[in-house]
Amino acid sequence: MPARSLDGLKIRDEIFSELKSEIAKLHAQGIRPGLAAVLVGENPASQLYVKSKIAACEQLGLASWMHTPPASVSTDYMLQLVRDLNADDNVDGILIQLPLPAQIDSKRVLESVDPANGGEYPVFHPEAQIQVTEGNVTSGIDATLERIASVEPIQPGGSLTAATASQLCDGASGVLVMNENALKVRLFRARQRVLKAYRSASADGKI
């Protein structure tokens, strides 16, 4: 069967609508979830990305904080910042914007984030990897699979291909899908021209 592309914008709007409803229920209980974003340095692309996250928080009624240490900060500085955010009861998610400057140990910083505050990259944390492989879904992985299944039911023994332009291809999602559905999972990074070729080959029954 030909590959089916999901309409990302349509799915985003559906998710926003659902989240607004859920967040409103939390507000009624006196709870306002919050996201802390950490942007090191002044990379224009990263600034645009993080600002879009903060704007989304405002649209949804979430609290948000943006920390902007200079590009010269050390790994120790970042580790202390993460410890402070982990200990803040007002913070429910932590976004460490990548890439970090070369002098910072990105792996140590990401792994210092409490898995409960997993934010953007929860599957980088060893504990989160264990949870996924044992069948306990974390963060956005379950939401992603649920959304796929709502559009096109996942058939056991079938094939699922995830293509992304990001360097952060989520291997844990593939592990989870394989565990749950015995699927052949292919995860790769690709730009638009590659995706177009892939769709064409799929439509011709070549893959």
N, C-alpha and C. Protein backbone atom coordinates (compact mmCIF):
# COMPACT_ATOMS: atom_id res chain seq x y z
N MET A 1 0.85 -1.18 0.00
CA MET A 1 0.00 0.00 0.00
C MET A 1 0.89 1.23 0.00
N PRO A 2 0.46 2.32 -0.71
CA PRO A 2 1.27 3.54 -0.78
C PRO A 2 1.48 4.16 0.59
N ALA A 3 2.60 4.85 0.74
CA ALA A 3 2.86 5.57 2.00
C ALA A 3 1.85 6.69 2.16
N ARG A 4 1.48 6.95 3.38
CA ARG A 4 0.53 8.03 3.66
C ARG A 4 1.21 9.09 4.50
N SER A 5 1.19 10.32 4.03
CA SER A 5 1.80 11.42 4.76
C SER A 5 0.76 12.07 5.66
N LEU A 6 1.16 12.37 6.89
CA LEU A 6 0.25 13.02 7.82
C LEU A 6 0.33 14.53 7.66
N ASP A 7 -0.80 15.19 7.83
CA ASP A 7 -0.87 16.65 7.75
C ASP A 7 -0.45 17.22 9.10
N GLY A 8 0.81 17.65 9.20
CA GLY A 8 1.34 18.11 10.48
C GLY A 8 0.61 19.31 11.04
N LEU A 9 0.24 20.26 10.19
CA LEU A 9 -0.44 21.46 10.68
C LEU A 9 -1.82 21.12 11.23
N LYS A 10 -2.52 20.24 10.54
CA LYS A 10 -3.85 19.83 11.00
C LYS A 10 -3.75 19.11 12.34
N ILE A 11 -2.76 18.23 12.45
CA ILE A 11 -2.56 17.49 13.70
C ILE A 11 -2.19 18.45 14.83
N ARG A 12 -1.34 19.44 14.52
CA ARG A 12 -0.97 20.42 15.53
C ARG A 12 -2.19 21.14 16.07
N ASP A 13 -3.08 21.57 15.18
CA ASP A 13 -4.27 22.29 15.61
C ASP A 13 -5.17 21.41 16.48
N GLU A 14 -5.26 20.13 16.12
CA GLU A 14 -6.07 19.20 16.91
C GLU A 14 -5.48 19.04 18.31
N ILE A 15 -4.15 18.91 18.37
CA ILE A 15 -3.48 18.74 19.65
C ILE A 15 -3.63 19.99 20.51
N PHE A 16 -3.48 21.17 19.89
CA PHE A 16 -3.65 22.42 20.62
C PHE A 16 -5.04 22.50 21.24
N SER A 17 -6.05 22.13 20.47
CA SER A 17 -7.42 22.19 20.96
C SER A 17 -7.61 21.27 22.16
N GLU A 18 -7.06 20.06 22.06
CA GLU A 18 -7.18 19.10 23.15
C GLU A 18 -6.42 19.59 24.39
N LEU A 19 -5.23 20.13 24.17
CA LEU A 19 -4.42 20.60 25.29
C LEU A 19 -5.08 21.77 26.02
N LYS A 20 -5.66 22.69 25.27
CA LYS A 20 -6.32 23.83 25.89
C LYS A 20 -7.41 23.37 26.84
N SER A 21 -8.15 22.36 26.42
CA SER A 21 -9.22 21.83 27.25
C SER A 21 -8.66 21.19 28.53
N GLU A 22 -7.60 20.40 28.38
CA GLU A 22 -7.00 19.74 29.53
C GLU A 22 -6.37 20.75 30.49
N ILE A 23 -5.70 21.76 29.93
CA ILE A 23 -5.05 22.76 30.77
C ILE A 23 -6.08 23.60 31.51
N ALA A 24 -7.20 23.87 30.87
CA ALA A 24 -8.27 24.63 31.52
C ALA A 24 -8.78 23.87 32.74
N LYS A 25 -8.86 22.55 32.66
CA LYS A 25 -9.29 21.73 33.80
C LYS A 25 -8.29 21.85 34.95
N LEU A 26 -7.00 21.89 34.60
CA LEU A 26 -5.98 22.05 35.64
C LEU A 26 -6.07 23.43 36.29
N HIS A 27 -6.33 24.44 35.47
CA HIS A 27 -6.48 25.79 36.01
C HIS A 27 -7.61 25.84 37.03
N ALA A 28 -8.68 25.11 36.73
CA ALA A 28 -9.83 25.09 37.64
C ALA A 28 -9.47 24.47 38.99
N GLN A 29 -8.40 23.67 39.01
CA GLN A 29 -7.93 23.05 40.25
C GLN A 29 -6.80 23.86 40.89
N GLY A 30 -6.52 25.04 40.31
CA GLY A 30 -5.46 25.87 40.85
C GLY A 30 -4.07 25.46 40.41
N ILE A 31 -3.98 24.70 39.33
CA ILE A 31 -2.70 24.21 38.84
C ILE A 31 -2.38 24.87 37.49
N ARG A 32 -1.18 25.41 37.36
CA ARG A 32 -0.74 25.96 36.08
C ARG A 32 0.60 25.35 35.70
N PRO A 33 0.60 24.37 34.80
CA PRO A 33 1.87 23.73 34.40
C PRO A 33 2.81 24.76 33.80
N GLY A 34 4.13 24.51 33.95
CA GLY A 34 5.10 25.48 33.46
C GLY A 34 6.28 24.84 32.75
N LEU A 35 6.79 25.53 31.74
CA LEU A 35 7.95 25.08 30.98
C LEU A 35 9.10 26.07 31.17
N ALA A 36 10.28 25.55 31.50
CA ALA A 36 11.48 26.37 31.58
C ALA A 36 12.35 26.07 30.37
N ALA A 37 12.63 27.08 29.57
CA ALA A 37 13.48 26.92 28.39
C ALA A 37 14.85 27.52 28.67
N VAL A 38 15.89 26.81 28.25
CA VAL A 38 17.26 27.28 28.45
C VAL A 38 17.91 27.45 27.08
N LEU A 39 18.24 28.69 26.74
CA LEU A 39 18.86 29.01 25.45
C LEU A 39 20.23 29.64 25.72
N VAL A 40 21.29 28.91 25.40
CA VAL A 40 22.64 29.38 25.65
C VAL A 40 23.17 30.09 24.40
N GLY A 41 23.65 31.32 24.57
CA GLY A 41 24.19 32.05 23.44
C GLY A 41 23.11 32.73 22.61
N GLU A 42 23.49 33.14 21.41
CA GLU A 42 22.58 33.94 20.58
C GLU A 42 22.44 33.40 19.16
N ASN A 43 22.32 32.09 19.05
CA ASN A 43 22.09 31.47 17.74
C ASN A 43 20.71 31.90 17.22
N PRO A 44 20.63 32.59 16.07
CA PRO A 44 19.34 33.11 15.58
C PRO A 44 18.28 32.03 15.38
N ALA A 45 18.67 30.89 14.82
CA ALA A 45 17.70 29.81 14.58
C ALA A 45 17.17 29.27 15.90
N SER A 46 18.06 29.11 16.88
CA SER A 46 17.64 28.62 18.19
C SER A 46 16.74 29.62 18.89
N GLN A 47 17.06 30.90 18.75
CA GLN A 47 16.23 31.94 19.35
C GLN A 47 14.81 31.89 18.80
N LEU A 48 14.71 31.73 17.49
CA LEU A 48 13.39 31.66 16.84
C LEU A 48 12.61 30.45 17.33
N TYR A 49 13.30 29.31 17.43
CA TYR A 49 12.65 28.07 17.86
C TYR A 49 12.13 28.18 19.29
N VAL A 50 13.00 28.65 20.19
CA VAL A 50 12.60 28.74 21.59
C VAL A 50 11.48 29.76 21.78
N LYS A 51 11.56 30.87 21.08
CA LYS A 51 10.50 31.87 21.18
C LYS A 51 9.17 31.31 20.71
N SER A 52 9.20 30.42 19.72
CA SER A 52 7.96 29.79 19.26
C SER A 52 7.38 28.88 20.35
N LYS A 53 8.26 28.24 21.12
CA LYS A 53 7.80 27.40 22.23
C LYS A 53 7.15 28.25 23.32
N ILE A 54 7.79 29.38 23.62
CA ILE A 54 7.24 30.28 24.64
C ILE A 54 5.89 30.83 24.19
N ALA A 55 5.79 31.19 22.90
CA ALA A 55 4.52 31.69 22.36
C ALA A 55 3.44 30.63 22.44
N ALA A 56 3.80 29.38 22.17
CA ALA A 56 2.83 28.28 22.27
C ALA A 56 2.34 28.12 23.70
N CYS A 57 3.25 28.27 24.66
CA CYS A 57 2.86 28.21 26.07
C CYS A 57 1.82 29.28 26.39
N GLU A 58 2.04 30.48 25.89
CA GLU A 58 1.10 31.57 26.15
C GLU A 58 -0.27 31.26 25.54
N GLN A 59 -0.27 30.70 24.34
CA GLN A 59 -1.54 30.35 23.68
C GLN A 59 -2.31 29.30 24.48
N LEU A 60 -1.58 28.39 25.08
CA LEU A 60 -2.21 27.27 25.78
C LEU A 60 -2.54 27.59 27.24
N GLY A 61 -2.00 28.69 27.75
CA GLY A 61 -2.24 29.02 29.15
C GLY A 61 -1.23 28.41 30.10
N LEU A 62 -0.07 28.02 29.55
CA LEU A 62 1.00 27.47 30.38
C LEU A 62 1.91 28.59 30.88
N ALA A 63 2.48 28.39 32.05
CA ALA A 63 3.52 29.32 32.52
C ALA A 63 4.81 28.99 31.77
N SER A 64 5.67 29.97 31.60
CA SER A 64 6.94 29.71 30.91
C SER A 64 8.01 30.66 31.41
N TRP A 65 9.24 30.18 31.38
CA TRP A 65 10.40 30.96 31.78
C TRP A 65 11.50 30.71 30.77
N MET A 66 12.21 31.75 30.38
CA MET A 66 13.29 31.62 29.40
C MET A 66 14.60 32.05 30.04
N HIS A 67 15.53 31.11 30.15
CA HIS A 67 16.84 31.38 30.72
C HIS A 67 17.85 31.52 29.57
N THR A 68 18.60 32.60 29.56
CA THR A 68 19.49 32.88 28.43
C THR A 68 20.92 33.15 28.90
N PRO A 69 21.62 32.15 29.41
CA PRO A 69 23.02 32.35 29.79
C PRO A 69 23.89 32.63 28.57
N PRO A 70 25.01 33.32 28.74
CA PRO A 70 25.89 33.63 27.61
C PRO A 70 26.59 32.37 27.08
N ALA A 71 27.08 32.47 25.86
CA ALA A 71 27.72 31.33 25.19
C ALA A 71 28.99 30.87 25.89
N SER A 72 29.52 31.68 26.78
CA SER A 72 30.78 31.35 27.46
C SER A 72 30.61 30.49 28.71
N VAL A 73 29.37 30.14 29.08
CA VAL A 73 29.15 29.41 30.34
C VAL A 73 29.77 28.02 30.27
N SER A 74 30.00 27.45 31.45
CA SER A 74 30.64 26.14 31.57
C SER A 74 29.61 25.03 31.78
N THR A 75 30.09 23.80 31.70
CA THR A 75 29.24 22.64 32.00
C THR A 75 28.73 22.72 33.44
N ASP A 76 29.61 23.08 34.37
CA ASP A 76 29.22 23.17 35.78
C ASP A 76 28.09 24.19 35.97
N TYR A 77 28.18 25.30 35.27
CA TYR A 77 27.12 26.31 35.37
C TYR A 77 25.79 25.72 34.90
N MET A 78 25.82 25.02 33.78
CA MET A 78 24.59 24.44 33.23
C MET A 78 24.03 23.36 34.15
N LEU A 79 24.92 22.55 34.74
CA LEU A 79 24.45 21.51 35.64
C LEU A 79 23.76 22.11 36.87
N GLN A 80 24.31 23.22 37.38
CA GLN A 80 23.69 23.87 38.53
C GLN A 80 22.35 24.48 38.15
N LEU A 81 22.27 25.06 36.96
CA LEU A 81 21.00 25.62 36.50
C LEU A 81 19.94 24.54 36.40
N VAL A 82 20.31 23.40 35.85
CA VAL A 82 19.35 22.30 35.72
C VAL A 82 18.93 21.79 37.10
N ARG A 83 19.88 21.70 38.03
CA ARG A 83 19.53 21.27 39.39
C ARG A 83 18.51 22.23 40.01
N ASP A 84 18.72 23.52 39.80
CA ASP A 84 17.79 24.52 40.35
C ASP A 84 16.40 24.36 39.72
N LEU A 85 16.36 24.11 38.42
CA LEU A 85 15.06 23.95 37.74
C LEU A 85 14.38 22.65 38.16
N ASN A 86 15.18 21.59 38.35
CA ASN A 86 14.61 20.32 38.83
C ASN A 86 13.93 20.50 40.18
N ALA A 87 14.50 21.36 41.00
CA ALA A 87 13.99 21.55 42.37
C ALA A 87 12.84 22.54 42.44
N ASP A 88 12.55 23.22 41.35
CA ASP A 88 11.48 24.23 41.33
C ASP A 88 10.13 23.56 41.09
N ASP A 89 9.26 23.59 42.08
CA ASP A 89 7.95 22.94 41.95
C ASP A 89 7.07 23.57 40.89
N ASN A 90 7.39 24.77 40.46
CA ASN A 90 6.58 25.43 39.43
C ASN A 90 6.94 24.95 38.03
N VAL A 91 8.07 24.27 37.90
CA VAL A 91 8.55 23.82 36.59
C VAL A 91 8.16 22.37 36.37
N ASP A 92 7.42 22.13 35.30
CA ASP A 92 6.99 20.76 34.97
C ASP A 92 7.70 20.20 33.76
N GLY A 93 8.38 21.05 33.01
CA GLY A 93 9.13 20.60 31.84
C GLY A 93 10.33 21.50 31.64
N ILE A 94 11.44 20.90 31.19
CA ILE A 94 12.67 21.66 30.95
C ILE A 94 13.12 21.42 29.51
N LEU A 95 13.30 22.50 28.78
CA LEU A 95 13.79 22.43 27.41
C LEU A 95 15.22 22.98 27.37
N ILE A 96 16.18 22.11 27.09
CA ILE A 96 17.56 22.54 26.89
C ILE A 96 17.76 22.65 25.38
N GLN A 97 17.85 23.87 24.88
CA GLN A 97 17.96 24.04 23.44
C GLN A 97 19.33 23.63 22.93
N LEU A 98 19.33 22.76 21.93
CA LEU A 98 20.57 22.32 21.29
C LEU A 98 20.75 23.01 19.94
N PRO A 99 21.98 23.15 19.45
CA PRO A 99 23.21 22.67 20.08
C PRO A 99 23.69 23.61 21.18
N LEU A 100 24.40 23.03 22.15
CA LEU A 100 25.07 23.82 23.17
C LEU A 100 26.49 24.15 22.69
N PRO A 101 27.10 25.21 23.20
CA PRO A 101 28.48 25.55 22.81
C PRO A 101 29.43 24.38 23.03
N ALA A 102 30.50 24.36 22.25
CA ALA A 102 31.42 23.21 22.22
C ALA A 102 32.03 22.87 23.58
N GLN A 103 32.22 23.88 24.44
CA GLN A 103 32.88 23.61 25.73
C GLN A 103 31.95 22.95 26.74
N ILE A 104 30.67 22.86 26.42
CA ILE A 104 29.69 22.27 27.35
C ILE A 104 29.46 20.80 27.00
N ASP A 105 29.45 19.96 28.01
CA ASP A 105 29.18 18.53 27.83
C ASP A 105 27.66 18.34 27.72
N SER A 106 27.17 18.33 26.49
CA SER A 106 25.73 18.26 26.27
C SER A 106 25.10 17.01 26.87
N LYS A 107 25.80 15.88 26.77
CA LYS A 107 25.26 14.63 27.29
C LYS A 107 25.04 14.72 28.80
N ARG A 108 26.02 15.24 29.51
CA ARG A 108 25.88 15.37 30.97
C ARG A 108 24.73 16.31 31.34
N VAL A 109 24.61 17.39 30.60
CA VAL A 109 23.55 18.36 30.89
C VAL A 109 22.18 17.74 30.65
N LEU A 110 22.01 17.08 29.52
CA LEU A 110 20.71 16.47 29.21
C LEU A 110 20.36 15.38 30.21
N GLU A 111 21.35 14.58 30.60
CA GLU A 111 21.09 13.49 31.53
C GLU A 111 20.85 13.99 32.95
N SER A 112 21.21 15.25 33.23
CA SER A 112 20.97 15.79 34.57
C SER A 112 19.52 16.24 34.75
N VAL A 113 18.78 16.35 33.66
CA VAL A 113 17.37 16.73 33.76
C VAL A 113 16.59 15.59 34.38
N ASP A 114 15.83 15.89 35.42
CA ASP A 114 14.97 14.88 36.04
C ASP A 114 14.04 14.32 34.97
N PRO A 115 13.96 12.98 34.80
CA PRO A 115 13.08 12.40 33.79
C PRO A 115 11.65 12.90 33.88
N ALA A 116 11.22 13.27 35.08
CA ALA A 116 9.86 13.80 35.24
C ALA A 116 9.72 15.16 34.57
N ASN A 117 10.84 15.85 34.37
CA ASN A 117 10.84 17.15 33.69
C ASN A 117 11.45 17.02 32.30
N GLY A 118 11.25 15.86 31.68
CA GLY A 118 11.95 15.50 30.46
C GLY A 118 11.99 16.51 29.35
N GLY A 119 10.97 17.34 29.21
CA GLY A 119 11.01 18.38 28.20
C GLY A 119 11.16 17.85 26.80
N GLU A 120 12.09 18.41 26.04
CA GLU A 120 12.21 18.12 24.62
C GLU A 120 12.90 16.80 24.32
N TYR A 121 13.83 16.39 25.16
CA TYR A 121 14.65 15.23 24.84
C TYR A 121 14.64 14.19 25.95
N PRO A 122 13.47 13.72 26.36
CA PRO A 122 13.42 12.80 27.50
C PRO A 122 14.10 11.47 27.24
N VAL A 123 14.11 11.01 25.98
CA VAL A 123 14.65 9.68 25.72
C VAL A 123 16.17 9.65 25.79
N PHE A 124 16.85 10.79 25.96
CA PHE A 124 18.29 10.78 26.13
C PHE A 124 18.67 10.33 27.53
N HIS A 125 17.74 10.38 28.45
CA HIS A 125 18.05 10.03 29.83
C HIS A 125 18.04 8.51 29.98
N PRO A 126 19.08 7.92 30.62
CA PRO A 126 19.15 6.47 30.76
C PRO A 126 17.89 5.87 31.38
N GLU A 127 17.33 6.52 32.40
CA GLU A 127 16.13 6.00 33.05
C GLU A 127 14.97 5.96 32.07
N ALA A 128 14.87 6.99 31.22
CA ALA A 128 13.79 7.03 30.25
C ALA A 128 13.96 5.91 29.22
N GLN A 129 15.20 5.62 28.82
CA GLN A 129 15.45 4.53 27.88
C GLN A 129 14.97 3.20 28.46
N ILE A 130 15.24 3.00 29.76
CA ILE A 130 14.81 1.76 30.41
C ILE A 130 13.29 1.67 30.41
N GLN A 131 12.63 2.80 30.73
CA GLN A 131 11.18 2.82 30.78
C GLN A 131 10.57 2.47 29.43
N VAL A 132 11.17 3.00 28.36
CA VAL A 132 10.64 2.74 27.02
C VAL A 132 10.80 1.28 26.64
N THR A 133 12.01 0.73 26.84
CA THR A 133 12.25 -0.65 26.45
C THR A 133 11.44 -1.62 27.29
N GLU A 134 11.05 -1.23 28.49
CA GLU A 134 10.21 -2.09 29.32
C GLU A 134 8.72 -1.90 29.03
N GLY A 135 8.43 -1.01 28.08
CA GLY A 135 7.03 -0.84 27.69
C GLY A 135 6.32 0.28 28.40
N ASN A 136 7.03 1.06 29.21
CA ASN A 136 6.42 2.20 29.90
C ASN A 136 6.71 3.46 29.09
N VAL A 137 5.69 3.97 28.41
CA VAL A 137 5.88 5.07 27.47
C VAL A 137 6.18 6.36 28.21
N THR A 138 7.04 7.21 27.60
CA THR A 138 7.38 8.47 28.23
C THR A 138 7.12 9.64 27.30
N SER A 139 6.81 10.77 27.90
CA SER A 139 6.71 12.06 27.23
C SER A 139 5.89 11.99 25.95
N GLY A 140 6.46 12.55 24.85
CA GLY A 140 5.69 12.68 23.62
C GLY A 140 5.62 11.42 22.79
N ILE A 141 6.32 10.36 23.20
CA ILE A 141 6.34 9.15 22.38
C ILE A 141 4.94 8.55 22.27
N ASP A 142 4.25 8.43 23.43
CA ASP A 142 2.92 7.85 23.40
C ASP A 142 1.97 8.72 22.60
N ALA A 143 2.11 10.04 22.71
CA ALA A 143 1.23 10.95 21.98
C ALA A 143 1.44 10.80 20.48
N THR A 144 2.69 10.64 20.07
CA THR A 144 3.00 10.47 18.65
C THR A 144 2.35 9.22 18.08
N LEU A 145 2.52 8.11 18.79
CA LEU A 145 1.96 6.85 18.30
C LEU A 145 0.44 6.87 18.32
N GLU A 146 -0.12 7.48 19.35
CA GLU A 146 -1.58 7.58 19.43
C GLU A 146 -2.12 8.37 18.26
N ARG A 147 -1.41 9.45 17.89
CA ARG A 147 -1.85 10.29 16.78
C ARG A 147 -1.77 9.53 15.47
N ILE A 148 -0.69 8.78 15.27
CA ILE A 148 -0.56 7.98 14.06
C ILE A 148 -1.70 6.98 13.96
N ALA A 149 -1.98 6.29 15.05
CA ALA A 149 -3.02 5.26 15.06
C ALA A 149 -4.40 5.86 14.81
N SER A 150 -4.62 7.11 15.23
CA SER A 150 -5.93 7.73 15.03
C SER A 150 -6.19 8.05 13.56
N VAL A 151 -5.10 8.22 12.80
CA VAL A 151 -5.24 8.53 11.38
C VAL A 151 -5.21 7.26 10.55
N GLU A 152 -4.30 6.38 10.88
CA GLU A 152 -4.12 5.13 10.13
C GLU A 152 -3.81 4.02 11.12
N PRO A 153 -4.75 3.09 11.37
CA PRO A 153 -4.50 2.02 12.34
C PRO A 153 -3.20 1.29 12.04
N ILE A 154 -2.43 1.04 13.10
CA ILE A 154 -1.16 0.35 12.95
C ILE A 154 -1.41 -1.15 12.83
N GLN A 155 -0.92 -1.74 11.73
CA GLN A 155 -1.14 -3.16 11.47
C GLN A 155 0.07 -3.97 11.92
N PRO A 156 -0.12 -4.96 12.82
CA PRO A 156 1.00 -5.81 13.24
C PRO A 156 1.68 -6.43 12.04
N GLY A 157 3.02 -6.44 12.07
CA GLY A 157 3.77 -7.03 10.98
C GLY A 157 4.00 -6.09 9.82
N GLY A 158 3.49 -4.87 9.91
CA GLY A 158 3.65 -3.91 8.83
C GLY A 158 4.96 -3.17 8.93
N SER A 159 5.02 -2.01 8.26
CA SER A 159 6.24 -1.22 8.23
C SER A 159 5.92 0.23 8.56
N LEU A 160 6.73 0.83 9.41
CA LEU A 160 6.57 2.23 9.77
C LEU A 160 7.89 2.94 9.54
N THR A 161 7.86 4.01 8.74
CA THR A 161 9.06 4.78 8.45
C THR A 161 8.90 6.19 8.99
N ALA A 162 9.88 6.64 9.77
CA ALA A 162 9.87 8.00 10.31
C ALA A 162 11.05 8.74 9.72
N ALA A 163 10.77 9.85 9.04
CA ALA A 163 11.82 10.66 8.44
C ALA A 163 11.81 12.04 9.06
N THR A 164 12.98 12.57 9.39
CA THR A 164 13.06 13.87 10.02
C THR A 164 14.30 14.60 9.55
N ALA A 165 14.23 15.92 9.53
CA ALA A 165 15.39 16.73 9.18
C ALA A 165 16.25 16.99 10.41
N SER A 166 15.78 16.56 11.58
CA SER A 166 16.50 16.78 12.82
C SER A 166 17.62 15.77 13.00
N GLN A 167 18.66 16.16 13.73
CA GLN A 167 19.73 15.22 14.09
C GLN A 167 19.31 14.37 15.28
N LEU A 168 18.15 14.66 15.86
CA LEU A 168 17.71 13.97 17.07
C LEU A 168 16.62 12.97 16.73
N CYS A 169 16.96 11.99 15.92
CA CYS A 169 15.98 10.98 15.51
C CYS A 169 15.67 10.11 16.72
N ASP A 170 14.40 9.97 17.02
CA ASP A 170 13.98 9.36 18.27
C ASP A 170 13.96 7.84 18.19
N GLY A 171 15.11 7.22 18.50
CA GLY A 171 15.19 5.78 18.44
C GLY A 171 14.27 5.08 19.41
N ALA A 172 13.98 5.72 20.54
CA ALA A 172 13.11 5.09 21.53
C ALA A 172 11.71 4.88 20.98
N SER A 173 11.25 5.77 20.12
CA SER A 173 9.94 5.58 19.50
C SER A 173 9.93 4.30 18.69
N GLY A 174 11.03 4.07 17.96
CA GLY A 174 11.12 2.86 17.16
C GLY A 174 11.11 1.61 18.02
N VAL A 175 11.85 1.66 19.14
CA VAL A 175 11.87 0.52 20.06
C VAL A 175 10.46 0.23 20.55
N LEU A 176 9.74 1.28 20.94
CA LEU A 176 8.40 1.10 21.47
C LEU A 176 7.47 0.51 20.43
N VAL A 177 7.50 1.05 19.21
CA VAL A 177 6.61 0.55 18.16
C VAL A 177 6.90 -0.92 17.89
N MET A 178 8.17 -1.28 17.84
CA MET A 178 8.51 -2.67 17.58
C MET A 178 8.02 -3.57 18.70
N ASN A 179 8.17 -3.14 19.95
CA ASN A 179 7.72 -3.95 21.07
C ASN A 179 6.23 -4.16 21.04
N GLU A 180 5.48 -3.10 20.70
CA GLU A 180 4.03 -3.15 20.79
C GLU A 180 3.39 -3.82 19.58
N ASN A 181 4.00 -3.66 18.40
CA ASN A 181 3.31 -4.07 17.18
C ASN A 181 4.11 -4.98 16.25
N ALA A 182 5.30 -5.38 16.65
CA ALA A 182 6.13 -6.25 15.82
C ALA A 182 6.29 -5.66 14.42
N LEU A 183 6.53 -4.36 14.36
CA LEU A 183 6.67 -3.68 13.08
C LEU A 183 8.13 -3.63 12.64
N LYS A 184 8.32 -3.52 11.34
CA LYS A 184 9.63 -3.19 10.81
C LYS A 184 9.73 -1.67 10.82
N VAL A 185 10.65 -1.14 11.61
CA VAL A 185 10.72 0.31 11.79
C VAL A 185 12.00 0.85 11.15
N ARG A 186 11.83 1.89 10.35
CA ARG A 186 12.98 2.56 9.75
C ARG A 186 12.98 4.02 10.19
N LEU A 187 14.09 4.45 10.78
CA LEU A 187 14.22 5.82 11.24
C LEU A 187 15.41 6.46 10.52
N PHE A 188 15.17 7.57 9.84
CA PHE A 188 16.28 8.21 9.16
C PHE A 188 16.05 9.70 9.05
N ARG A 189 17.15 10.43 8.80
CA ARG A 189 17.08 11.87 8.62
C ARG A 189 17.04 12.18 7.14
N ALA A 190 16.21 13.12 6.76
CA ALA A 190 16.08 13.43 5.33
C ALA A 190 15.60 14.85 5.12
N ARG A 191 15.99 15.42 4.00
CA ARG A 191 15.47 16.72 3.61
C ARG A 191 14.32 16.51 2.64
N GLN A 192 13.66 17.60 2.26
CA GLN A 192 12.44 17.51 1.47
C GLN A 192 12.63 16.72 0.18
N ARG A 193 13.75 16.90 -0.52
CA ARG A 193 13.95 16.21 -1.79
C ARG A 193 14.01 14.69 -1.59
N VAL A 194 14.57 14.27 -0.44
CA VAL A 194 14.64 12.83 -0.15
C VAL A 194 13.25 12.29 0.18
N LEU A 195 12.48 13.07 0.95
CA LEU A 195 11.13 12.63 1.29
C LEU A 195 10.27 12.49 0.04
N LYS A 196 10.43 13.42 -0.90
CA LYS A 196 9.66 13.37 -2.14
C LYS A 196 9.98 12.09 -2.92
N ALA A 197 11.27 11.75 -2.99
CA ALA A 197 11.68 10.53 -3.68
C ALA A 197 11.15 9.29 -2.98
N TYR A 198 11.13 9.33 -1.65
CA TYR A 198 10.63 8.19 -0.90
C TYR A 198 9.14 7.97 -1.16
N ARG A 199 8.36 9.07 -1.15
CA ARG A 199 6.93 8.95 -1.40
C ARG A 199 6.66 8.40 -2.80
N SER A 200 7.46 8.84 -3.78
CA SER A 200 7.29 8.39 -5.15
C SER A 200 7.56 6.91 -5.25
N ALA A 201 8.66 6.45 -4.63
CA ALA A 201 9.01 5.04 -4.67
C ALA A 201 7.95 4.19 -3.97
N SER A 202 7.40 4.70 -2.88
CA SER A 202 6.36 3.97 -2.15
C SER A 202 5.11 3.83 -3.00
N ALA A 203 4.73 4.92 -3.66
CA ALA A 203 3.54 4.91 -4.49
C ALA A 203 3.68 3.90 -5.64
N ASP A 204 4.93 3.71 -6.11
CA ASP A 204 5.18 2.76 -7.20
C ASP A 204 5.35 1.33 -6.70
N GLY A 205 5.24 1.15 -5.38
CA GLY A 205 5.37 -0.19 -4.81
C GLY A 205 6.79 -0.71 -4.77
N LYS A 206 7.78 0.21 -4.83
CA LYS A 206 9.18 -0.22 -4.84
C LYS A 206 9.74 -0.41 -3.44
N ILE A 207 9.03 0.10 -2.41
CA ILE A 207 9.49 -0.08 -1.04
C ILE A 207 8.31 -0.48 -0.16
